[in-house]
């Protein structure tokens, strides 16, 4: 990739973070990932503005803990990124861009067993309730992302724990719930949607 292409690509992702709620206190702008905001002399991130691209924020440094999808917009406090999550964290400590999100060209396959075995269901659209569309279980044991990036939720209506599934991570293969994220405690996913870009 030449220097011009690198500069163009870098402009696709821009996020500004503040140490306090409502865009107060110390602030910093990023166009690349940040594995640990503590290394930037911040104590925490309490508010965020996403100018370009989708991002994923994490509860702990080094992309650990609960994940939160951060699409274009303002997040003045933790309730804005936690949404209807049953798990809330009042701050984030690391974040990174989601570079493979292609909202208009996204495809994912859900499997009824681990290791991408058993009955499968291919999806190209958002589903606020997997059971309403015909998935017979509250659980999704394994997933293959064919293209784009997705966010799965623990409960219907895009509520509960969030799990980010990307084509360019793990070759798009999530063979069991332990690969959904460091905070995944079960394979319960009841709604799923494409990540906006």
Protein backbone atom coordinates (compact mmCIF):
# COMPACT_ATOMS: atom_id res chain seq x y z
CA UNK A 1 0.00 0.00 0.00
CA UNK A 2 1.50 3.35 -0.97
CA UNK A 3 1.53 6.44 1.26
CA UNK A 4 -1.48 8.05 -0.48
CA UNK A 5 -3.60 4.91 0.00
CA UNK A 6 -2.55 4.74 3.66
CA UNK A 7 -3.61 8.36 4.21
CA UNK A 8 -6.97 7.80 2.49
CA UNK A 9 -7.61 4.66 4.51
CA UNK A 10 -6.64 6.38 7.76
CA UNK A 11 -9.28 9.06 7.14
CA UNK A 12 -11.98 6.40 7.05
CA UNK A 13 -11.83 6.01 10.84
CA UNK A 14 -11.92 8.88 13.32
CA UNK A 15 -12.98 8.82 16.95
CA UNK A 16 -12.64 11.43 19.72
CA UNK A 17 -12.68 10.35 23.35
CA UNK A 18 -13.09 12.34 26.57
CA UNK A 19 -12.16 11.43 30.11
CA UNK A 20 -15.45 12.68 31.56
CA UNK A 21 -19.13 12.40 30.63
CA UNK A 22 -20.79 14.95 28.32
CA UNK A 23 -17.58 15.61 26.36
CA UNK A 24 -15.77 17.20 29.30
CA UNK A 25 -12.20 16.96 30.55
CA UNK A 26 -9.17 15.66 28.74
CA UNK A 27 -9.79 14.73 25.09
CA UNK A 28 -7.90 12.97 22.32
CA UNK A 29 -8.63 12.12 18.68
CA UNK A 30 -7.67 8.79 17.12
CA UNK A 31 -7.60 7.39 13.58
CA UNK A 32 -6.05 4.07 14.62
CA UNK A 33 -6.64 1.56 17.40
CA UNK A 34 -5.78 2.26 21.01
CA UNK A 35 -4.94 -0.89 23.02
CA UNK A 36 -4.72 0.98 26.34
CA UNK A 37 -5.96 4.53 26.98
CA UNK A 38 -4.02 4.52 30.26
CA UNK A 39 -0.84 4.82 28.17
CA UNK A 40 -2.13 8.23 27.00
CA UNK A 41 -2.36 9.56 30.58
CA UNK A 42 -6.12 9.05 30.69
CA UNK A 43 -7.81 7.43 33.70
CA UNK A 44 -10.77 6.23 31.61
CA UNK A 45 -13.05 7.07 28.68
CA UNK A 46 -16.48 8.36 29.74
CA UNK A 47 -17.75 9.98 26.49
CA UNK A 48 -17.10 9.43 22.79
CA UNK A 49 -17.81 10.97 19.40
CA UNK A 50 -17.43 8.74 16.33
CA UNK A 51 -16.89 10.84 13.21
CA UNK A 52 -15.99 8.10 10.72
CA UNK A 53 -16.25 4.35 10.57
CA UNK A 54 -17.52 1.81 13.04
CA UNK A 55 -15.46 1.02 16.12
CA UNK A 56 -15.58 -1.47 18.97
CA UNK A 57 -14.85 -0.32 22.51
CA UNK A 58 -13.73 -2.61 25.32
CA UNK A 59 -14.12 -2.51 29.06
CA UNK A 60 -10.44 -3.33 29.72
CA UNK A 61 -7.05 -2.68 28.07
CA UNK A 62 -5.79 -4.89 25.24
CA UNK A 63 -9.31 -5.41 23.83
CA UNK A 64 -10.51 -7.45 26.80
CA UNK A 65 -13.84 -7.62 28.60
CA UNK A 66 -17.28 -6.58 27.44
CA UNK A 67 -17.47 -5.27 23.85
CA UNK A 68 -19.58 -2.29 22.75
CA UNK A 69 -20.31 -1.35 19.14
CA UNK A 70 -19.61 2.33 18.42
CA UNK A 71 -21.12 3.51 15.14
CA UNK A 72 -21.12 7.08 13.84
CA UNK A 73 -22.61 9.43 16.40
CA UNK A 74 -22.30 10.87 19.90
CA UNK A 75 -21.99 8.87 23.11
CA UNK A 76 -22.16 11.43 25.96
CA UNK A 77 -22.20 8.78 28.71
CA UNK A 78 -21.98 5.02 29.25
CA UNK A 79 -25.74 4.52 28.82
CA UNK A 80 -25.37 5.63 25.19
CA UNK A 81 -22.96 2.82 24.30
CA UNK A 82 -24.41 0.25 26.72
CA UNK A 83 -27.89 0.75 25.29
CA UNK A 84 -30.17 -2.00 26.49
CA UNK A 85 -27.30 -4.14 27.69
CA UNK A 86 -27.85 -6.11 30.85
CA UNK A 87 -24.20 -5.44 31.58
CA UNK A 88 -23.02 -1.88 31.91
CA UNK A 89 -19.59 -0.46 32.37
CA UNK A 90 -19.14 3.23 33.13
CA UNK A 91 -15.93 3.55 31.12
CA UNK A 92 -13.92 2.04 28.27
CA UNK A 93 -10.15 1.46 28.26
CA UNK A 94 -9.38 0.28 24.70
CA UNK A 95 -10.92 0.51 21.24
CA UNK A 96 -10.26 -0.31 17.59
CA UNK A 97 -11.84 0.31 14.19
CA UNK A 98 -13.88 -2.37 12.44
CA UNK A 99 -12.37 -2.25 8.98
CA UNK A 100 -14.38 -4.98 7.22
CA UNK A 101 -17.87 -3.53 7.79
CA UNK A 102 -19.83 -3.41 4.53
CA UNK A 103 -23.45 -2.84 5.50
CA UNK A 104 -24.81 -3.32 1.97
CA UNK A 105 -22.74 -6.47 1.35
CA UNK A 106 -22.84 -8.57 4.52
CA UNK A 107 -23.48 -12.28 4.85
CA UNK A 108 -23.31 -14.54 7.89
CA UNK A 109 -24.07 -18.24 8.52
CA UNK A 110 -25.37 -19.53 11.87
CA UNK A 111 -24.89 -23.19 12.83
CA UNK A 112 -26.85 -25.30 15.30
CA UNK A 113 -23.70 -27.09 16.58
CA UNK A 114 -20.14 -26.10 17.48
CA UNK A 115 -17.40 -26.27 14.83
CA UNK A 116 -19.85 -25.11 12.14
CA UNK A 117 -21.72 -28.41 12.09
CA UNK A 118 -25.40 -29.28 11.86
CA UNK A 119 -28.25 -27.27 10.43
CA UNK A 120 -27.23 -23.87 9.12
CA UNK A 121 -28.99 -20.64 8.28
CA UNK A 122 -27.55 -17.95 6.00
CA UNK A 123 -28.50 -14.32 6.58
CA UNK A 124 -27.95 -11.08 4.70
CA UNK A 125 -30.23 -8.83 6.75
CA UNK A 126 -30.86 -7.64 10.31
CA UNK A 127 -33.01 -9.80 12.60
CA UNK A 128 -34.37 -8.32 15.86
CA UNK A 129 -35.51 -11.85 16.81
CA UNK A 130 -33.80 -14.97 15.51
CA UNK A 131 -36.57 -17.18 16.88
CA UNK A 132 -39.23 -15.15 15.03
CA UNK A 133 -37.37 -15.78 11.76
CA UNK A 134 -37.28 -19.52 12.36
CA UNK A 135 -34.17 -20.24 14.44
CA UNK A 136 -35.37 -22.89 16.91
CA UNK A 137 -33.08 -22.11 19.81
CA UNK A 138 -31.94 -19.24 22.01
CA UNK A 139 -28.39 -20.37 21.32
CA UNK A 140 -26.03 -20.08 18.35
CA UNK A 141 -23.15 -22.52 18.93
CA UNK A 142 -20.99 -21.41 15.98
CA UNK A 143 -20.87 -18.73 13.29
CA UNK A 144 -19.16 -18.13 9.95
CA UNK A 145 -18.92 -14.54 8.70
CA UNK A 146 -18.83 -14.73 4.92
CA UNK A 147 -18.58 -10.96 4.42
CA UNK A 148 -18.82 -7.75 6.42
CA UNK A 149 -19.16 -7.34 10.17
CA UNK A 150 -22.05 -8.10 12.49
CA UNK A 151 -23.09 -7.56 16.09
CA UNK A 152 -24.97 -10.30 17.91
CA UNK A 153 -27.00 -9.65 21.05
CA UNK A 154 -27.90 -11.89 23.96
CA UNK A 155 -31.63 -11.05 23.82
CA UNK A 156 -34.23 -10.16 21.17
CA UNK A 157 -34.54 -6.50 20.22
CA UNK A 158 -30.76 -5.93 20.17
CA UNK A 159 -30.45 -6.11 23.96
CA UNK A 160 -27.98 -7.70 26.36
CA UNK A 161 -24.35 -8.63 25.87
CA UNK A 162 -22.87 -7.61 22.51
CA UNK A 163 -20.60 -9.80 20.41
CA UNK A 164 -18.76 -8.43 17.37
CA UNK A 165 -18.28 -10.87 14.46
CA UNK A 166 -15.90 -9.81 11.68
CA UNK A 167 -14.81 -11.39 8.41
CA UNK A 168 -11.21 -10.23 8.84
CA UNK A 169 -10.77 -11.75 12.33
CA UNK A 170 -10.34 -15.49 12.87
CA UNK A 171 -10.92 -15.89 9.10
CA UNK A 172 -14.56 -15.14 9.98
CA UNK A 173 -14.90 -18.42 11.89
CA UNK A 174 -16.28 -18.52 15.43
CA UNK A 175 -16.31 -22.26 16.24
CA UNK A 176 -17.71 -21.96 19.78
CA UNK A 177 -18.88 -19.28 22.17
CA UNK A 178 -15.42 -18.95 23.77
CA UNK A 179 -14.35 -17.30 20.51
CA UNK A 180 -17.18 -14.70 20.61
CA UNK A 181 -15.12 -12.53 22.99
CA UNK A 182 -13.29 -12.60 26.29
CA UNK A 183 -16.53 -11.80 28.13
CA UNK A 184 -18.65 -14.55 26.50
CA UNK A 185 -20.18 -16.83 29.13
CA UNK A 186 -22.67 -18.67 26.88
CA UNK A 187 -23.69 -19.07 23.25
CA UNK A 188 -27.02 -17.30 23.77
CA UNK A 189 -27.65 -14.98 20.81
CA UNK A 190 -31.23 -13.98 20.05
CA UNK A 191 -30.83 -10.99 17.70
CA UNK A 192 -28.22 -9.96 15.15
CA UNK A 193 -27.60 -7.04 12.82
CA UNK A 194 -25.11 -5.73 10.28
CA UNK A 195 -22.68 -3.10 11.54
CA UNK A 196 -23.32 0.31 9.96
CA UNK A 197 -20.55 1.91 7.93
